[in-house]
């Protein structure tokens, strides 16, 4: 005689399924620990780059960067005589800090220069795609993406 749980599934069957799932998760975790770090998916990265090709969001970030940011920060985020190199900035700046500067702007005043980043918090084409712009620049900053127009991953 098999006892039935609340959902009509046999208790023995439920225990077997739960045990199988737990063993499966343990096996997946053990296999992941055996892989070198570069083979693990970079879950904390906001972009995907495979053989020099990028995901849709990162590609869109390149497009939006080119429209809204290039005139000051130069091609590919590499900086200009007018605005800083964003690739260097993103090596020490968090995503939240980056977005704070884009939304609210920033003013750096030193004895030799005054640099002003205007706020883009009301610019719809920037705000709607801020995650994509960050993904593109972060891929460039991390060295995962070369200069120039990226190709998209076929989907």
Protein backbone atom coordinates (compact mmCIF):
# COMPACT_ATOMS: atom_id res chain seq x y z
CA UNK A 1 0.00 0.00 0.00
CA UNK A 2 1.37 3.42 -1.03
CA UNK A 3 0.49 6.45 1.09
CA UNK A 4 -0.75 9.46 -0.84
CA UNK A 5 0.43 13.01 -0.14
CA UNK A 6 -1.72 16.15 -0.51
CA UNK A 7 -1.17 16.31 -4.27
CA UNK A 8 -2.01 12.66 -4.84
CA UNK A 9 1.62 11.69 -5.41
CA UNK A 10 2.83 8.67 -3.56
CA UNK A 11 5.10 9.50 -0.63
CA UNK A 12 7.66 6.93 -1.82
CA UNK A 13 7.63 8.50 -5.32
CA UNK A 14 8.02 12.01 -3.85
CA UNK A 15 11.02 10.94 -1.78
CA UNK A 16 12.58 9.27 -4.82
CA UNK A 17 12.12 12.40 -6.96
CA UNK A 18 13.51 14.68 -4.25
CA UNK A 19 16.51 12.40 -3.72
CA UNK A 20 17.17 12.24 -7.47
CA UNK A 21 17.04 16.05 -7.74
CA UNK A 22 19.39 16.48 -4.80
CA UNK A 23 21.87 13.97 -6.22
CA UNK A 24 21.65 15.68 -9.62
CA UNK A 25 22.43 19.07 -8.08
CA UNK A 26 25.37 17.60 -6.19
CA UNK A 27 26.72 16.06 -9.39
CA UNK A 28 26.39 19.34 -11.28
CA UNK A 29 28.12 21.22 -8.46
CA UNK A 30 30.98 18.70 -8.34
CA UNK A 31 31.41 18.85 -12.11
CA UNK A 32 31.49 22.67 -12.02
CA UNK A 33 34.22 22.58 -9.37
CA UNK A 34 36.38 20.44 -11.67
CA UNK A 35 36.27 22.99 -14.52
CA UNK A 36 38.92 25.68 -14.81
CA UNK A 37 37.73 29.22 -14.02
CA UNK A 38 37.75 30.35 -17.65
CA UNK A 39 35.26 27.58 -18.58
CA UNK A 40 32.72 28.70 -16.00
CA UNK A 41 30.03 31.11 -17.18
CA UNK A 42 30.72 34.61 -15.92
CA UNK A 43 27.40 35.18 -14.20
CA UNK A 44 28.50 38.51 -12.79
CA UNK A 45 29.34 39.92 -16.24
CA UNK A 46 26.63 42.03 -17.88
CA UNK A 47 27.74 40.97 -21.37
CA UNK A 48 28.32 37.87 -23.46
CA UNK A 49 31.20 37.74 -25.93
CA UNK A 50 31.81 34.56 -27.95
CA UNK A 51 34.56 34.54 -30.59
CA UNK A 52 34.46 38.34 -30.76
CA UNK A 53 30.67 38.39 -31.26
CA UNK A 54 28.35 39.94 -28.69
CA UNK A 55 24.84 39.40 -27.37
CA UNK A 56 21.95 41.64 -28.41
CA UNK A 57 22.17 43.93 -25.36
CA UNK A 58 25.91 44.54 -25.70
CA UNK A 59 25.50 45.28 -29.40
CA UNK A 60 22.71 47.69 -28.59
CA UNK A 61 24.99 49.29 -25.99
CA UNK A 62 27.56 49.93 -28.72
CA UNK A 63 24.87 51.55 -30.87
CA UNK A 64 23.63 53.76 -28.02
CA UNK A 65 27.16 54.65 -26.91
CA UNK A 66 27.97 55.72 -30.47
CA UNK A 67 24.90 57.96 -30.58
CA UNK A 68 25.08 59.54 -27.12
CA UNK A 69 28.60 59.25 -25.70
CA UNK A 70 31.14 59.08 -28.52
CA UNK A 71 31.24 62.83 -29.18
CA UNK A 72 32.83 63.43 -25.78
CA UNK A 73 34.37 60.10 -24.72
CA UNK A 74 35.75 59.18 -28.14
CA UNK A 75 35.48 56.01 -30.19
CA UNK A 76 35.04 52.79 -28.25
CA UNK A 77 35.12 54.55 -24.86
CA UNK A 78 38.87 55.19 -25.13
CA UNK A 79 38.60 58.85 -24.15
CA UNK A 80 39.46 62.10 -25.88
CA UNK A 81 41.04 65.43 -25.11
CA UNK A 82 37.60 66.51 -23.93
CA UNK A 83 36.47 63.62 -21.69
CA UNK A 84 38.13 60.71 -19.83
CA UNK A 85 38.80 57.16 -20.94
CA UNK A 86 35.79 55.18 -19.69
CA UNK A 87 37.62 51.89 -20.06
CA UNK A 88 40.08 52.89 -17.34
CA UNK A 89 37.29 54.36 -15.21
CA UNK A 90 35.32 51.09 -15.27
CA UNK A 91 38.30 49.15 -13.92
CA UNK A 92 37.77 50.83 -10.54
CA UNK A 93 34.15 52.01 -10.73
CA UNK A 94 31.15 49.85 -9.85
CA UNK A 95 28.09 49.57 -12.07
CA UNK A 96 26.09 51.62 -9.57
CA UNK A 97 28.74 54.36 -9.50
CA UNK A 98 28.81 54.47 -13.30
CA UNK A 99 25.03 54.79 -13.50
CA UNK A 100 25.02 57.47 -10.79
CA UNK A 101 27.41 59.62 -12.84
CA UNK A 102 25.44 59.10 -16.07
CA UNK A 103 22.11 59.93 -14.42
CA UNK A 104 23.21 62.87 -12.26
CA UNK A 105 26.38 64.09 -13.96
CA UNK A 106 29.59 65.08 -12.21
CA UNK A 107 31.87 68.05 -11.88
CA UNK A 108 35.58 67.68 -11.15
CA UNK A 109 37.35 70.92 -10.40
CA UNK A 110 41.10 71.02 -9.90
CA UNK A 111 43.59 73.86 -9.99
CA UNK A 112 44.41 73.05 -13.61
CA UNK A 113 41.05 72.02 -15.08
CA UNK A 114 37.30 71.93 -14.70
CA UNK A 115 35.65 68.80 -16.11
CA UNK A 116 31.88 68.58 -16.28
CA UNK A 117 29.82 65.53 -17.17
CA UNK A 118 26.26 66.72 -17.79
CA UNK A 119 23.40 64.68 -16.34
CA UNK A 120 21.62 62.32 -18.74
CA UNK A 121 18.84 61.34 -16.34
CA UNK A 122 16.19 62.93 -18.54
CA UNK A 123 17.59 61.68 -21.87
CA UNK A 124 15.29 58.83 -22.82
CA UNK A 125 17.65 57.19 -25.35
CA UNK A 126 20.31 56.93 -22.65
CA UNK A 127 18.14 55.99 -19.68
CA UNK A 128 16.19 53.25 -21.47
CA UNK A 129 19.43 51.58 -22.55
CA UNK A 130 21.76 52.38 -19.67
CA UNK A 131 22.26 48.68 -18.85
CA UNK A 132 23.24 47.99 -22.47
CA UNK A 133 25.65 50.92 -22.59
CA UNK A 134 27.27 49.70 -19.37
CA UNK A 135 27.52 46.13 -20.75
CA UNK A 136 29.27 47.37 -23.89
CA UNK A 137 31.73 49.55 -22.00
CA UNK A 138 32.40 46.85 -19.39
CA UNK A 139 33.17 44.32 -22.13
CA UNK A 140 35.64 46.82 -23.61
CA UNK A 141 37.11 47.62 -20.19
CA UNK A 142 37.57 43.94 -19.33
CA UNK A 143 39.39 43.35 -22.62
CA UNK A 144 36.70 40.93 -23.78
CA UNK A 145 35.81 43.07 -26.80
CA UNK A 146 38.05 44.77 -29.33
CA UNK A 147 37.58 48.21 -30.86
CA UNK A 148 35.15 48.83 -33.67
CA UNK A 149 31.64 47.74 -34.48
CA UNK A 150 31.01 44.36 -32.85
CA UNK A 151 29.29 41.50 -34.66
CA UNK A 152 26.19 40.00 -33.05
CA UNK A 153 25.90 36.40 -31.96
CA UNK A 154 23.47 34.64 -34.29
CA UNK A 155 20.37 33.54 -32.42
